Protein backbone atom coordinates (compact mmCIF):
# COMPACT_ATOMS: atom_id res chain seq x y z
CA UNK A 1 99.44 127.63 -16.08
CA UNK A 2 101.08 128.55 -13.27
CA UNK A 3 100.38 132.36 -13.40
CA UNK A 4 96.73 131.55 -14.02
CA UNK A 5 96.85 129.30 -11.38
CA UNK A 6 98.48 131.89 -8.96
CA UNK A 7 96.07 134.49 -8.62
CA UNK A 8 93.47 132.49 -7.88
CA UNK A 9 94.33 130.73 -4.88
CA UNK A 10 93.64 133.59 -3.06
CA UNK A 11 90.14 133.81 -4.23
CA UNK A 12 89.70 130.52 -3.25
CA UNK A 13 91.10 130.61 0.51
CA UNK A 14 88.99 133.71 0.59
CA UNK A 15 85.73 131.72 -0.46
CA UNK A 16 86.57 128.76 1.60
CA UNK A 17 86.84 130.99 4.92
CA UNK A 18 83.59 132.71 4.50
CA UNK A 19 82.09 129.52 3.86
CA UNK A 20 83.06 128.59 7.43
CA UNK A 21 82.14 131.42 8.97
CA UNK A 22 78.80 131.71 7.12
CA UNK A 23 78.61 127.85 8.61
CA UNK A 24 79.78 129.26 12.26
CA UNK A 25 77.07 131.65 12.45
CA UNK A 26 74.00 129.66 11.49
CA UNK A 27 71.59 130.04 8.68
CA UNK A 28 69.09 132.83 11.31
CA UNK A 29 72.49 135.24 10.99
CA UNK A 30 73.51 135.03 7.38
CA UNK A 31 69.64 135.29 5.93
CA UNK A 32 67.86 136.58 8.36
CA UNK A 33 68.19 138.90 11.90
CA UNK A 34 64.27 138.31 12.59
CA UNK A 35 62.34 135.31 14.44
CA UNK A 36 59.53 134.24 15.84
CA UNK A 37 58.37 134.79 19.52
CA UNK A 38 59.40 131.71 21.21
CA UNK A 39 56.18 131.30 22.76
CA UNK A 40 52.37 132.93 21.62
CA UNK A 41 50.52 135.16 23.35
CA UNK A 42 46.30 134.04 24.46
CA UNK A 43 44.55 136.81 22.99
CA UNK A 44 41.20 135.85 24.32
CA UNK A 45 40.10 134.87 27.96
CA UNK A 46 41.33 132.08 29.61
CA UNK A 47 38.97 129.28 30.37
CA UNK A 48 36.23 130.55 27.89
CA UNK A 49 35.77 129.63 24.25
CA UNK A 50 36.92 131.43 21.34
CA UNK A 51 36.61 130.97 17.66
CA UNK A 52 36.90 133.00 14.12
CA UNK A 53 40.17 134.65 14.53
CA UNK A 54 40.66 137.41 12.29
CA UNK A 55 43.53 139.63 11.67
CA UNK A 56 44.58 143.29 9.78
CA UNK A 57 47.70 144.76 9.47
CA UNK A 58 48.29 148.81 8.55
CA UNK A 59 52.17 147.79 7.13
CA UNK A 60 53.66 150.50 9.86
CA UNK A 61 53.91 147.87 12.27
CA UNK A 62 50.32 148.33 13.97
CA UNK A 63 47.67 145.02 13.46
CA UNK A 64 44.02 144.88 14.89
CA UNK A 65 43.15 141.30 15.99
CA UNK A 66 39.02 139.99 15.96
CA UNK A 67 37.28 137.38 17.21
CA UNK A 68 33.80 135.71 19.25
CA UNK A 69 34.19 134.80 22.78
CA UNK A 70 32.09 133.20 24.96
CA UNK A 71 30.99 134.88 28.21
CA UNK A 72 29.34 131.85 29.41
CA UNK A 73 25.80 133.52 28.02
CA UNK A 74 26.92 134.94 24.47
CA UNK A 75 28.93 135.52 22.20
CA UNK A 76 30.74 138.41 22.05
CA UNK A 77 33.01 140.66 19.84
CA UNK A 78 36.20 141.27 21.07
CA UNK A 79 39.22 143.24 19.76
CA UNK A 80 43.28 143.88 20.79
CA UNK A 81 45.69 145.68 18.93
CA UNK A 82 49.26 144.94 18.65
CA UNK A 83 51.72 148.36 18.54
CA UNK A 84 55.40 149.16 19.70
CA UNK A 85 56.07 145.27 19.58
CA UNK A 86 53.30 143.79 21.86
CA UNK A 87 49.92 143.61 22.51
CA UNK A 88 47.72 145.64 24.36
CA UNK A 89 46.97 144.19 28.04
CA UNK A 90 43.79 144.11 27.67
CA UNK A 91 40.82 143.18 25.20
CA UNK A 92 37.87 145.25 24.31
CA UNK A 93 34.58 143.88 23.99
CA UNK A 94 32.94 146.09 21.07
CA UNK A 95 29.30 144.02 21.05
CA UNK A 96 25.85 144.34 22.76
CA UNK A 97 25.76 143.11 25.54
CA UNK A 98 23.27 140.27 25.69
CA UNK A 99 23.52 139.76 22.45
CA UNK A 100 25.43 137.05 19.93
CA UNK A 101 28.07 138.35 17.87
CA UNK A 102 29.80 136.18 15.04
CA UNK A 103 31.79 136.38 11.73
CA UNK A 104 33.80 139.27 12.80
CA UNK A 105 35.89 140.92 10.53
CA UNK A 106 38.69 144.11 10.77
CA UNK A 107 40.25 146.29 8.80
CA UNK A 108 42.69 148.89 9.86
CA UNK A 109 44.37 152.27 8.35
CA UNK A 110 47.34 153.56 8.18
CA UNK A 111 47.07 155.93 11.07
CA UNK A 112 45.95 153.07 13.33
CA UNK A 113 42.11 153.91 13.28
CA UNK A 114 39.77 150.80 12.27
CA UNK A 115 36.66 149.71 11.39
CA UNK A 116 34.96 146.35 12.19
CA UNK A 117 31.65 144.32 11.21
CA UNK A 118 29.87 141.56 12.48
CA UNK A 119 26.81 139.74 12.09
CA UNK A 120 24.39 140.10 15.55
CA UNK A 121 21.65 137.78 15.88
CA UNK A 122 18.51 138.42 16.72
CA UNK A 123 14.93 137.72 15.63
CA UNK A 124 16.34 139.24 11.84
CA UNK A 125 19.73 138.69 12.02
CA UNK A 126 21.72 141.88 11.35
CA UNK A 127 25.30 143.59 10.41
CA UNK A 128 27.21 145.70 12.95
CA UNK A 129 29.77 148.06 12.24
CA UNK A 130 31.65 149.76 14.72
CA UNK A 131 34.92 152.45 14.62
CA UNK A 132 37.69 152.92 16.28
CA UNK A 133 39.51 156.20 16.61
CA UNK A 134 43.17 156.02 17.31
CA UNK A 135 43.25 159.90 18.31
CA UNK A 136 41.33 158.57 21.19
CA UNK A 137 42.37 155.17 22.02
CA UNK A 138 38.42 154.26 21.71
CA UNK A 139 35.56 152.18 20.08
CA UNK A 140 32.80 154.34 19.02
CA UNK A 141 29.22 152.27 19.87
CA UNK A 142 28.03 150.20 17.26
CA UNK A 143 25.53 151.20 14.11
CA UNK A 144 23.53 148.71 12.33
CA UNK A 145 24.50 149.10 8.65
CA UNK A 146 21.85 146.40 7.11
CA UNK A 147 18.35 145.96 6.75
CA UNK A 148 17.05 145.43 9.80
CA UNK A 149 13.56 144.27 8.91
CA UNK A 150 15.30 141.51 7.26
CA UNK A 151 18.05 138.77 7.67
CA UNK A 152 21.63 139.84 6.99
CA UNK A 153 24.87 137.24 6.77
CA UNK A 154 28.18 137.05 5.15
CA UNK A 155 30.08 140.06 6.42
CA UNK A 156 33.29 141.80 4.60
CA UNK A 157 35.34 145.61 5.48
CA UNK A 158 38.04 147.30 3.65
CA UNK A 159 39.85 150.37 3.96
CA UNK A 160 41.56 152.51 2.18
CA UNK A 161 44.83 154.96 3.28
CA UNK A 162 41.98 157.68 2.97
CA UNK A 163 39.66 156.99 5.87
CA UNK A 164 37.26 155.83 3.29
CA UNK A 165 35.54 151.71 3.73
CA UNK A 166 33.48 149.25 2.42
CA UNK A 167 31.43 146.74 3.82
CA UNK A 168 29.74 144.50 1.58
CA UNK A 169 27.19 141.69 3.09
CA UNK A 170 24.42 139.18 1.79
CA UNK A 171 20.90 140.76 2.74
CA UNK A 172 17.33 138.93 1.95
CA UNK A 173 15.02 141.21 -0.13
CA UNK A 174 12.39 139.19 0.82
CA UNK A 175 12.37 137.07 -2.67
CA UNK A 176 16.48 136.38 -2.76
CA UNK A 177 19.51 136.86 -0.85
CA UNK A 178 21.57 140.08 -2.26
CA UNK A 179 24.77 141.22 -1.94
CA UNK A 180 24.83 144.67 -1.15
CA UNK A 181 27.50 147.39 -0.29
CA UNK A 182 27.85 150.56 2.29
CA UNK A 183 30.43 152.88 1.27
CA UNK A 184 31.97 154.67 4.51
CA UNK A 185 32.95 158.19 3.13
CA UNK A 186 33.62 161.97 5.08
CA UNK A 187 32.95 159.90 8.30
CA UNK A 188 29.51 158.98 7.33
CA UNK A 189 27.71 155.58 5.72
CA UNK A 190 26.12 156.20 2.50
CA UNK A 191 22.57 154.21 1.74
CA UNK A 192 23.10 151.12 0.76
CA UNK A 193 23.57 149.42 -2.44
CA UNK A 194 22.44 146.21 -4.09
CA UNK A 195 25.30 144.79 -6.39
CA UNK A 196 24.15 141.48 -7.49
CA UNK A 197 21.16 140.52 -9.36
CA UNK A 198 18.01 140.93 -7.38
CA UNK A 199 16.70 138.02 -8.32
CA UNK A 200 19.66 135.61 -8.21
CA UNK A 201 20.79 134.38 -4.93
CA UNK A 202 24.28 135.33 -3.90
CA UNK A 203 26.67 134.23 -0.68
CA UNK A 204 29.81 134.65 0.28
CA UNK A 205 31.11 137.95 -0.50
CA UNK A 206 34.36 139.21 -0.91
CA UNK A 207 36.08 142.53 -0.63
CA UNK A 208 39.62 143.76 -1.73
CA UNK A 209 40.93 147.56 -1.92
CA UNK A 210 44.10 149.41 -3.16
CA UNK A 211 45.72 152.09 -1.91
CA UNK A 212 44.36 154.24 -4.40
CA UNK A 213 40.70 153.94 -3.44
CA UNK A 214 39.39 151.26 -6.24
CA UNK A 215 37.64 148.10 -4.73
CA UNK A 216 37.09 144.40 -6.20
CA UNK A 217 34.12 142.69 -4.79
CA UNK A 218 33.73 138.99 -5.91
CA UNK A 219 30.51 136.43 -4.63
CA UNK A 220 29.32 133.13 -5.41
CA UNK A 221 25.92 133.04 -7.00
CA UNK A 222 23.26 130.93 -7.88
CA UNK A 223 19.77 130.82 -9.52
CA UNK A 224 18.07 127.90 -7.31
CA UNK A 225 19.67 125.23 -9.40
CA UNK A 226 22.69 122.95 -8.74
CA UNK A 227 24.99 125.57 -10.70
CA UNK A 228 26.60 128.26 -8.62
CA UNK A 229 28.75 130.51 -10.50
CA UNK A 230 31.27 133.45 -9.42
CA UNK A 231 30.61 137.48 -10.23
CA UNK A 232 32.57 140.12 -9.60
CA UNK A 233 32.23 144.03 -9.85
CA UNK A 234 34.46 146.88 -9.29
CA UNK A 235 33.84 150.27 -7.41
CA UNK A 236 36.05 153.18 -8.22
CA UNK A 237 34.93 157.04 -8.30
CA UNK A 238 32.05 156.17 -6.04
CA UNK A 239 30.83 154.16 -8.94
CA UNK A 240 30.32 150.40 -9.21
CA UNK A 241 31.32 149.36 -12.64
CA UNK A 242 29.03 146.32 -14.42
CA UNK A 243 28.66 142.71 -13.15
CA UNK A 244 31.04 140.39 -14.41
CA UNK A 245 30.95 136.48 -14.53
CA UNK A 246 34.47 134.89 -13.72
CA UNK A 247 33.40 131.25 -13.68
CA UNK A 248 32.83 128.81 -16.52
CA UNK A 249 28.84 129.54 -17.56
CA UNK A 250 28.04 125.62 -17.44
CA UNK A 251 30.74 124.46 -14.64
CA UNK A 252 29.81 124.46 -10.57
CA UNK A 253 31.87 127.08 -8.55
CA UNK A 254 32.40 127.99 -5.34
CA UNK A 255 34.72 130.03 -2.25
CA UNK A 256 35.54 132.71 -3.96
CA UNK A 257 38.60 134.61 -2.69
CA UNK A 258 39.79 138.06 -4.28
CA UNK A 259 42.93 140.75 -3.36
CA UNK A 260 43.85 143.84 -5.51
CA UNK A 261 47.17 145.36 -5.35
CA UNK A 262 48.49 149.79 -6.16
CA UNK A 263 48.54 149.10 -9.75
CA UNK A 264 45.79 147.94 -9.77
CA UNK A 265 45.54 144.54 -10.59
CA UNK A 266 43.03 142.12 -9.11
CA UNK A 267 43.03 138.65 -9.01
CA UNK A 268 40.27 136.24 -7.86
CA UNK A 269 40.31 132.71 -7.13
CA UNK A 270 37.87 129.89 -6.33
CA UNK A 271 36.54 126.40 -6.82
CA UNK A 272 35.69 125.05 -10.05
CA UNK A 273 34.28 122.10 -11.20
CA UNK A 274 35.84 119.90 -13.85
CA UNK A 275 34.40 116.79 -14.50
CA UNK A 276 34.05 114.68 -11.27
CA UNK A 277 37.07 116.91 -9.41
CA UNK A 278 37.43 120.50 -8.51
CA UNK A 279 40.45 122.87 -9.72
CA UNK A 280 41.24 125.85 -8.43
CA UNK A 281 40.58 128.69 -11.04
CA UNK A 282 41.60 132.37 -11.38
CA UNK A 283 41.24 135.57 -13.36
CA UNK A 284 43.13 138.70 -13.41
CA UNK A 285 41.86 142.35 -13.61
CA UNK A 286 44.08 144.84 -15.25
CA UNK A 287 43.67 148.49 -16.83
CA UNK A 288 45.53 147.52 -19.76
CA UNK A 289 44.48 144.13 -20.39
CA UNK A 290 40.78 143.83 -18.83
CA UNK A 291 40.27 140.14 -17.66
CA UNK A 292 42.35 136.88 -18.51
CA UNK A 293 41.34 133.61 -17.51
CA UNK A 294 43.99 130.94 -16.22
CA UNK A 295 43.36 127.38 -15.21
């Protein structure tokens, strides 16, 4: 018994000493060496109303923030970059002077180039896009990427590591609101493509991108009745697949969100009615297993 206890005692003492050292150093030192900044940074101009902030990072310490700010007359779209552990000294106005810009979204690639989209109000609401070139440090002149003869809404954008992008938005076609996409490849926007049903109203499109250039898009569809459904499609090798209905056919569903990893596996979630309550539903899409439903 004595022989068993004797070698154990130094180990117990060593463990006790390490425990005391850990308590003395505190959890921040023992668990992690990073911490949040003590104070927040005001990115928009003080004294003016700013709303709808969005942010995108590239995994290399660079981030791009975007928002809408009132200048007293119009809502302007502004951006600011975070690089080398600091925010830019000033924000950039990227929307057109004298126009209202809202619902901004931004995406950034591994090289620090960025692509922004937003809704510009007018006689018809249109979707605008602007590119940031990291090499020059400048934003290019915005382009209209929706059909200017009909109103558009709900812009979203995703950027892959090869400099390609996919923007999605809703566009009125004279009969229904449809989801349209525009691919950005080799430095130019390709023609728009309707990816939802041409006869059903579609709202709230969301887009996600994998490193290999696979995109997944999800949206809420309505046939004019009381039931909304969630639908999705994938974009690979410059082609869209077939539309898949993700939600239960008879259940009312809304607020879809989507993400995709580098497998690539896509996961979509949304709110779905179950009796008198809403639940959060999810479906996964993988190359090996197809779609799997989890409630």
